[in-house]
Each structure stands twice: as C-alpha cells, then as structure tokens.
Amino acid sequence: MSESIEARSQFVLLRQKKSVTQKAVAEALEVSEHTVWAWEKGRQIPRLTIPQAKALCRLFGVGIEELPDNFGPS
C-alpha cells in the first residue's frame, strides 16, 4: 500500500471511528464537501493551515500526532 493511500485510509477510518461526516469536516475547516471527498479519494493532497489542523484535532478529539502525516499543517 502506498504511503498516500495509507494516509487517506487512516483519515477515513479516523473520521468514521469518530462518527464525523464529511460535511462536518468541511464546515470545521471552511472547505467544500467536495474538497474533503477529493482528499479521501486521493484526488487532492490536503494542504492544511495551522488553524485548520487545530480545528481538525478538536473535531476528532485527537492530538496532532494522531492525524495522518499528510493532514498536518503544511
């Protein structure tokens, strides 16, 4: 499994484990639902700002180290 596929899978699993919808992620990060879908399908690489990374951590109730590497701040 390639690193990007593994990171996408980890993100989807984390989102589902926390019962968070794509819509909730989109709203918390102030991006479109299509953008979240594209991240999960590997069509776009997430380029989160530090405030977005913090918002994602709060939404999932996790520390930054628990996010897949490509979902941290760029």
PDB file of N, CA and C in Angstrom:
ATOM      1  N   MET A   1       0.856  -1.174   0.000  1.00  0.00           N
ATOM      2  CA  MET A   1       0.000   0.000   0.000  1.00  0.00           C
ATOM      3  C   MET A   1       0.897   1.230   0.000  1.00  0.00           C
ATOM      4  N   SER A   2       0.638   2.159  -0.917  1.00  0.00           N
ATOM      5  CA  SER A   2       1.478   3.353  -0.971  1.00  0.00           C
ATOM      6  C   SER A   2       1.185   4.245   0.229  1.00  0.00           C
ATOM      7  N   GLU A   3       2.136   5.122   0.510  1.00  0.00           N
ATOM      8  CA  GLU A   3       2.005   6.000   1.670  1.00  0.00           C
ATOM      9  C   GLU A   3       0.770   6.882   1.563  1.00  0.00           C
ATOM     10  N   SER A   4       0.489   7.446   0.362  1.00  0.00           N
ATOM     11  CA  SER A   4      -0.658   8.344   0.225  1.00  0.00           C
ATOM     12  C   SER A   4      -1.974   7.590   0.380  1.00  0.00           C
ATOM     13  N   ILE A   5      -2.047   6.363  -0.142  1.00  0.00           N
ATOM     14  CA  ILE A   5      -3.261   5.561   0.022  1.00  0.00           C
ATOM     15  C   ILE A   5      -3.445   5.217   1.494  1.00  0.00           C
ATOM     16  N   GLU A   6      -2.366   4.859   2.160  1.00  0.00           N
ATOM     17  CA  GLU A   6      -2.442   4.532   3.580  1.00  0.00           C
ATOM     18  C   GLU A   6      -2.905   5.737   4.393  1.00  0.00           C
ATOM     19  N   ALA A   7      -2.380   6.928   4.111  1.00  0.00           N
ATOM     20  CA  ALA A   7      -2.769   8.137   4.838  1.00  0.00           C
ATOM     21  C   ALA A   7      -4.243   8.453   4.600  1.00  0.00           C
ATOM     22  N   ARG A   8      -4.696   8.308   3.346  1.00  0.00           N
ATOM     23  CA  ARG A   8      -6.114   8.556   3.047  1.00  0.00           C
ATOM     24  C   ARG A   8      -6.981   7.581   3.829  1.00  0.00           C
ATOM     25  N   SER A   9      -6.587   6.312   3.820  1.00  0.00           N
ATOM     26  CA  SER A   9      -7.352   5.286   4.530  1.00  0.00           C
ATOM     27  C   SER A   9      -7.394   5.582   6.027  1.00  0.00           C
ATOM     28  N   GLN A  10      -6.273   6.017   6.580  1.00  0.00           N
ATOM     29  CA  GLN A  10      -6.223   6.355   8.006  1.00  0.00           C
ATOM     30  C   GLN A  10      -7.172   7.507   8.312  1.00  0.00           C
ATOM     31  N   PHE A  11      -7.216   8.502   7.421  1.00  0.00           N
ATOM     32  CA  PHE A  11      -8.106   9.645   7.623  1.00  0.00           C
ATOM     33  C   PHE A  11      -9.562   9.189   7.602  1.00  0.00           C
ATOM     34  N   VAL A  12      -9.928   8.393   6.610  1.00  0.00           N
ATOM     35  CA  VAL A  12     -11.310   7.908   6.504  1.00  0.00           C
ATOM     36  C   VAL A  12     -11.668   7.076   7.734  1.00  0.00           C
ATOM     37  N   LEU A  13     -10.782   6.181   8.137  1.00  0.00           N
ATOM     38  CA  LEU A  13     -11.055   5.347   9.310  1.00  0.00           C
ATOM     39  C   LEU A  13     -11.208   6.187  10.577  1.00  0.00           C
ATOM     40  N   LEU A  14     -10.353   7.188  10.745  1.00  0.00           N
ATOM     41  CA  LEU A  14     -10.441   8.065  11.909  1.00  0.00           C
ATOM     42  C   LEU A  14     -11.751   8.837  11.884  1.00  0.00           C
ATOM     43  N   ARG A  15     -12.102   9.374  10.725  1.00  0.00           N
ATOM     44  CA  ARG A  15     -13.349  10.140  10.598  1.00  0.00           C
ATOM     45  C   ARG A  15     -14.549   9.258  10.927  1.00  0.00           C
ATOM     46  N   GLN A  16     -14.559   8.053  10.398  1.00  0.00           N
ATOM     47  CA  GLN A  16     -15.677   7.146  10.651  1.00  0.00           C
ATOM     48  C   GLN A  16     -15.700   6.665  12.103  1.00  0.00           C
ATOM     49  N   LYS A  17     -14.537   6.393  12.664  1.00  0.00           N
ATOM     50  CA  LYS A  17     -14.449   5.957  14.065  1.00  0.00           C
ATOM     51  C   LYS A  17     -15.033   7.011  15.000  1.00  0.00           C
ATOM     52  N   LYS A  18     -14.805   8.265  14.667  1.00  0.00           N
ATOM     53  CA  LYS A  18     -15.297   9.368  15.493  1.00  0.00           C
ATOM     54  C   LYS A  18     -16.717   9.778  15.106  1.00  0.00           C
ATOM     55  N   SER A  19     -17.314   9.066  14.134  1.00  0.00           N
ATOM     56  CA  SER A  19     -18.681   9.352  13.655  1.00  0.00           C
ATOM     57  C   SER A  19     -18.825  10.793  13.181  1.00  0.00           C
ATOM     58  N   VAL A  20     -17.840  11.238  12.430  1.00  0.00           N
ATOM     59  CA  VAL A  20     -17.833  12.598  11.890  1.00  0.00           C
ATOM     60  C   VAL A  20     -18.113  12.509  10.390  1.00  0.00           C
ATOM     61  N   THR A  21     -19.020  13.339   9.917  1.00  0.00           N
ATOM     62  CA  THR A  21     -19.357  13.331   8.495  1.00  0.00           C
ATOM     63  C   THR A  21     -18.375  14.179   7.691  1.00  0.00           C
ATOM     64  N   GLN A  22     -18.367  13.946   6.390  1.00  0.00           N
ATOM     65  CA  GLN A  22     -17.565  14.792   5.501  1.00  0.00           C
ATOM     66  C   GLN A  22     -18.038  16.236   5.613  1.00  0.00           C
ATOM     67  N   LYS A  23     -19.345  16.426   5.750  1.00  0.00           N
ATOM     68  CA  LYS A  23     -19.899  17.783   5.878  1.00  0.00           C
ATOM     69  C   LYS A  23     -19.354  18.477   7.127  1.00  0.00           C
ATOM     70  N   ALA A  24     -19.295  17.754   8.248  1.00  0.00           N
ATOM     71  CA  ALA A  24     -18.778  18.343   9.488  1.00  0.00           C
ATOM     72  C   ALA A  24     -17.308  18.723   9.343  1.00  0.00           C
ATOM     73  N   VAL A  25     -16.526  17.873   8.677  1.00  0.00           N
ATOM     74  CA  VAL A  25     -15.113  18.189   8.426  1.00  0.00           C
ATOM     75  C   VAL A  25     -15.022  19.447   7.569  1.00  0.00           C
ATOM     76  N   ALA A  26     -15.817  19.488   6.508  1.00  0.00           N
ATOM     77  CA  ALA A  26     -15.797  20.637   5.601  1.00  0.00           C
ATOM     78  C   ALA A  26     -16.143  21.926   6.342  1.00  0.00           C
ATOM     79  N   GLU A  27     -17.173  21.877   7.163  1.00  0.00           N
ATOM     80  CA  GLU A  27     -17.580  23.071   7.914  1.00  0.00           C
ATOM     81  C   GLU A  27     -16.501  23.504   8.902  1.00  0.00           C
ATOM     82  N   ALA A  28     -15.908  22.551   9.607  1.00  0.00           N
ATOM     83  CA  ALA A  28     -14.880  22.880  10.602  1.00  0.00           C
ATOM     84  C   ALA A  28     -13.643  23.493   9.956  1.00  0.00           C
ATOM     85  N   LEU A  29     -13.316  23.038   8.739  1.00  0.00           N
ATOM     86  CA  LEU A  29     -12.105  23.511   8.063  1.00  0.00           C
ATOM     87  C   LEU A  29     -12.376  24.629   7.070  1.00  0.00           C
ATOM     88  N   GLU A  30     -13.666  24.969   6.917  1.00  0.00           N
ATOM     89  CA  GLU A  30     -14.076  26.012   5.973  1.00  0.00           C
ATOM     90  C   GLU A  30     -13.620  25.694   4.553  1.00  0.00           C
ATOM     91  N   VAL A  31     -13.884  24.441   4.153  1.00  0.00           N
ATOM     92  CA  VAL A  31     -13.645  23.989   2.783  1.00  0.00           C
ATOM     93  C   VAL A  31     -14.937  23.340   2.299  1.00  0.00           C
ATOM     94  N   SER A  32     -15.001  23.023   1.025  1.00  0.00           N
ATOM     95  CA  SER A  32     -16.204  22.390   0.492  1.00  0.00           C
ATOM     96  C   SER A  32     -16.221  20.896   0.816  1.00  0.00           C
ATOM     97  N   GLU A  33     -17.418  20.329   0.795  1.00  0.00           N
ATOM     98  CA  GLU A  33     -17.534  18.879   0.972  1.00  0.00           C
ATOM     99  C   GLU A  33     -16.803  18.162  -0.157  1.00  0.00           C
ATOM    100  N   HIS A  34     -16.825  18.751  -1.346  1.00  0.00           N
ATOM    101  CA  HIS A  34     -16.118  18.155  -2.482  1.00  0.00           C
ATOM    102  C   HIS A  34     -14.617  18.055  -2.184  1.00  0.00           C
ATOM    103  N   THR A  35     -14.070  19.057  -1.534  1.00  0.00           N
ATOM    104  CA  THR A  35     -12.647  19.034  -1.180  1.00  0.00           C
ATOM    105  C   THR A  35     -12.346  17.868  -0.243  1.00  0.00           C
ATOM    106  N   VAL A  36     -13.185  17.671   0.765  1.00  0.00           N
ATOM    107  CA  VAL A  36     -12.982  16.556   1.701  1.00  0.00           C
ATOM    108  C   VAL A  36     -13.086  15.235   0.945  1.00  0.00           C
ATOM    109  N   TRP A  37     -14.072  15.119   0.077  1.00  0.00           N
ATOM    110  CA  TRP A  37     -14.233  13.915  -0.750  1.00  0.00           C
ATOM    111  C   TRP A  37     -12.969  13.679  -1.583  1.00  0.00           C
ATOM    112  N   ALA A  38     -12.445  14.753  -2.193  1.00  0.00           N
ATOM    113  CA  ALA A  38     -11.247  14.633  -3.034  1.00  0.00           C
ATOM    114  C   ALA A  38     -10.038  14.192  -2.217  1.00  0.00           C
ATOM    115  N   TRP A  39      -9.908  14.668  -0.987  1.00  0.00           N
ATOM    116  CA  TRP A  39      -8.818  14.213  -0.121  1.00  0.00           C
ATOM    117  C   TRP A  39      -8.943  12.718   0.129  1.00  0.00           C
ATOM    118  N   GLU A  40     -10.171  12.293   0.435  1.00  0.00           N
ATOM    119  CA  GLU A  40     -10.385  10.886   0.769  1.00  0.00           C
ATOM    120  C   GLU A  40     -10.180   9.967  -0.433  1.00  0.00           C
ATOM    121  N   LYS A  41     -10.413  10.472  -1.619  1.00  0.00           N
ATOM    122  CA  LYS A  41     -10.235   9.673  -2.837  1.00  0.00           C
ATOM    123  C   LYS A  41      -8.833   9.816  -3.421  1.00  0.00           C
ATOM    124  N   GLY A  42      -8.013  10.688  -2.834  1.00  0.00           N
ATOM    125  CA  GLY A  42      -6.656  10.881  -3.325  1.00  0.00           C
ATOM    126  C   GLY A  42      -6.560  11.776  -4.544  1.00  0.00           C
ATOM    127  N   ARG A  43      -7.595  12.530  -4.817  1.00  0.00           N
ATOM    128  CA  ARG A  43      -7.586  13.428  -5.979  1.00  0.00           C
ATOM    129  C   ARG A  43      -6.948  14.771  -5.653  1.00  0.00           C
ATOM    130  N   GLN A  44      -6.882  15.094  -4.381  1.00  0.00           N
ATOM    131  CA  GLN A  44      -6.198  16.304  -3.921  1.00  0.00           C
ATOM    132  C   GLN A  44      -5.396  15.942  -2.677  1.00  0.00           C
ATOM    133  N   ILE A  45      -4.306  16.643  -2.502  1.00  0.00           N
ATOM    134  CA  ILE A  45      -3.497  16.480  -1.296  1.00  0.00           C
ATOM    135  C   ILE A  45      -3.895  17.587  -0.326  1.00  0.00           C
ATOM    136  N   PRO A  46      -4.233  17.239   0.907  1.00  0.00           N
ATOM    137  CA  PRO A  46      -4.618  18.274   1.864  1.00  0.00           C
ATOM    138  C   PRO A  46      -3.447  19.195   2.180  1.00  0.00           C
ATOM    139  N   ARG A  47      -3.695  20.457   2.131  1.00  0.00           N
ATOM    140  CA  ARG A  47      -2.704  21.474   2.500  1.00  0.00           C
ATOM    141  C   ARG A  47      -3.343  22.330   3.592  1.00  0.00           C
ATOM    142  N   LEU A  48      -3.304  21.813   4.802  1.00  0.00           N
ATOM    143  CA  LEU A  48      -3.978  22.488   5.902  1.00  0.00           C
ATOM    144  C   LEU A  48      -3.122  23.597   6.486  1.00  0.00           C
ATOM    145  N   THR A  49      -3.793  24.669   6.871  1.00  0.00           N
ATOM    146  CA  THR A  49      -3.129  25.715   7.639  1.00  0.00           C
ATOM    147  C   THR A  49      -3.048  25.227   9.087  1.00  0.00           C
ATOM    148  N   ILE A  50      -2.281  25.905   9.891  1.00  0.00           N
ATOM    149  CA  ILE A  50      -2.202  25.529  11.307  1.00  0.00           C
ATOM    150  C   ILE A  50      -3.577  25.641  11.974  1.00  0.00           C
ATOM    151  N   PRO A  51      -4.336  26.728  11.748  1.00  0.00           N
ATOM    152  CA  PRO A  51      -5.677  26.776  12.346  1.00  0.00           C
ATOM    153  C   PRO A  51      -6.586  25.633  11.872  1.00  0.00           C
ATOM    154  N   GLN A  52      -6.468  25.228  10.618  1.00  0.00           N
ATOM    155  CA  GLN A  52      -7.272  24.106  10.125  1.00  0.00           C
ATOM    156  C   GLN A  52      -6.857  22.798  10.797  1.00  0.00           C
ATOM    157  N   ALA A  53      -5.565  22.583  10.961  1.00  0.00           N
ATOM    158  CA  ALA A  53      -5.087  21.367  11.626  1.00  0.00           C
ATOM    159  C   ALA A  53      -5.591  21.323  13.070  1.00  0.00           C
ATOM    160  N   LYS A  54      -5.561  22.469  13.751  1.00  0.00           N
ATOM    161  CA  LYS A  54      -6.074  22.536  15.121  1.00  0.00           C
ATOM    162  C   LYS A  54      -7.569  22.238  15.153  1.00  0.00           C
ATOM    163  N   ALA A  55      -8.306  22.797  14.188  1.00  0.00           N
ATOM    164  CA  ALA A  55      -9.753  22.560  14.119  1.00  0.00           C
ATOM    165  C   ALA A  55     -10.053  21.085  13.883  1.00  0.00           C
ATOM    166  N   LEU A  56      -9.264  20.442  13.035  1.00  0.00           N
ATOM    167  CA  LEU A  56      -9.457  19.020  12.762  1.00  0.00           C
ATOM    168  C   LEU A  56      -9.181  18.190  14.020  1.00  0.00           C
ATOM    169  N   CYS A  57      -8.148  18.553  14.757  1.00  0.00           N
ATOM    170  CA  CYS A  57      -7.845  17.859  16.015  1.00  0.00           C
ATOM    171  C   CYS A  57      -8.990  18.023  17.012  1.00  0.00           C
ATOM    172  N   ARG A  58      -9.516  19.238  17.131  1.00  0.00           N
ATOM    173  CA  ARG A  58     -10.641  19.471  18.047  1.00  0.00           C
ATOM    174  C   ARG A  58     -11.859  18.661  17.616  1.00  0.00           C
ATOM    175  N   LEU A  59     -12.146  18.660  16.315  1.00  0.00           N
ATOM    176  CA  LEU A  59     -13.306  17.942  15.794  1.00  0.00           C
ATOM    177  C   LEU A  59     -13.214  16.450  16.092  1.00  0.00           C
ATOM    178  N   PHE A  60     -12.039  15.877  15.900  1.00  0.00           N
ATOM    179  CA  PHE A  60     -11.843  14.447  16.123  1.00  0.00           C
ATOM    180  C   PHE A  60     -11.512  14.116  17.581  1.00  0.00           C
ATOM    181  N   GLY A  61     -11.183  15.136  18.370  1.00  0.00           N
ATOM    182  CA  GLY A  61     -10.801  14.889  19.759  1.00  0.00           C
ATOM    183  C   GLY A  61      -9.491  14.138  19.877  1.00  0.00           C
ATOM    184  N   VAL A  62      -8.526  14.499  19.014  1.00  0.00           N
ATOM    185  CA  VAL A  62      -7.222  13.827  18.996  1.00  0.00           C
ATOM    186  C   VAL A  62      -6.108  14.863  19.012  1.00  0.00           C
ATOM    187  N   GLY A  63      -4.904  14.410  19.298  1.00  0.00           N
ATOM    188  CA  GLY A  63      -3.724  15.257  19.198  1.00  0.00           C
ATOM    189  C   GLY A  63      -3.207  15.258  17.771  1.00  0.00           C
ATOM    190  N   ILE A  64      -2.392  16.227  17.439  1.00  0.00           N
ATOM    191  CA  ILE A  64      -1.862  16.358  16.078  1.00  0.00           C
ATOM    192  C   ILE A  64      -1.113  15.105  15.642  1.00  0.00           C
ATOM    193  N   GLU A  65      -0.473  14.425  16.592  1.00  0.00           N
ATOM    194  CA  GLU A  65       0.298  13.225  16.255  1.00  0.00           C
ATOM    195  C   GLU A  65      -0.596  12.071  15.804  1.00  0.00           C
ATOM    196  N   GLU A  66      -1.886  12.155  16.065  1.00  0.00           N
ATOM    197  CA  GLU A  66      -2.805  11.094  15.656  1.00  0.00           C
ATOM    198  C   GLU A  66      -3.377  11.301  14.256  1.00  0.00           C
ATOM    199  N   LEU A  67      -3.139  12.484  13.674  1.00  0.00           N
ATOM    200  CA  LEU A  67      -3.578  12.720  12.298  1.00  0.00           C
ATOM    201  C   LEU A  67      -2.599  12.044  11.343  1.00  0.00           C
ATOM    202  N   PRO A  68      -3.097  11.565  10.197  1.00  0.00           N
ATOM    203  CA  PRO A  68      -2.161  11.056   9.188  1.00  0.00           C
ATOM    204  C   PRO A  68      -1.163  12.158   8.827  1.00  0.00           C
ATOM    205  N   ASP A  69       0.069  11.783   8.524  1.00  0.00           N
ATOM    206  CA  ASP A  69       1.128  12.762   8.273  1.00  0.00           C
ATOM    207  C   ASP A  69       0.758  13.814   7.242  1.00  0.00           C
ATOM    208  N   ASN A  70       0.056  13.438   6.187  1.00  0.00           N
ATOM    209  CA  ASN A  70      -0.241  14.436   5.159  1.00  0.00           C
ATOM    210  C   ASN A  70      -1.433  15.313   5.524  1.00  0.00           C
ATOM    211  N   PHE A  71      -2.001  15.157   6.713  1.00  0.00           N
ATOM    212  CA  PHE A  71      -3.089  16.018   7.156  1.00  0.00           C
ATOM    213  C   PHE A  71      -2.641  17.025   8.204  1.00  0.00           C
ATOM    214  N   GLY A  72      -1.361  17.075   8.488  1.00  0.00           N
ATOM    215  CA  GLY A  72      -0.838  18.083   9.392  1.00  0.00           C
ATOM    216  C   GLY A  72      -0.674  19.398   8.656  1.00  0.00           C
ATOM    217  N   PRO A  73      -0.274  20.441   9.335  1.00  0.00           N
ATOM    218  CA  PRO A  73      -0.092  21.735   8.673  1.00  0.00           C
ATOM    219  C   PRO A  73       1.026  21.681   7.645  1.00  0.00           C
ATOM    220  N   SER A  74       0.813  22.414   6.551  1.00  0.00           N
ATOM    221  CA  SER A  74       1.846  22.443   5.501  1.00  0.00           C
ATOM    222  C   SER A  74       2.760  23.630   5.678  1.00  0.00           C
TER     223      SER A  74
END
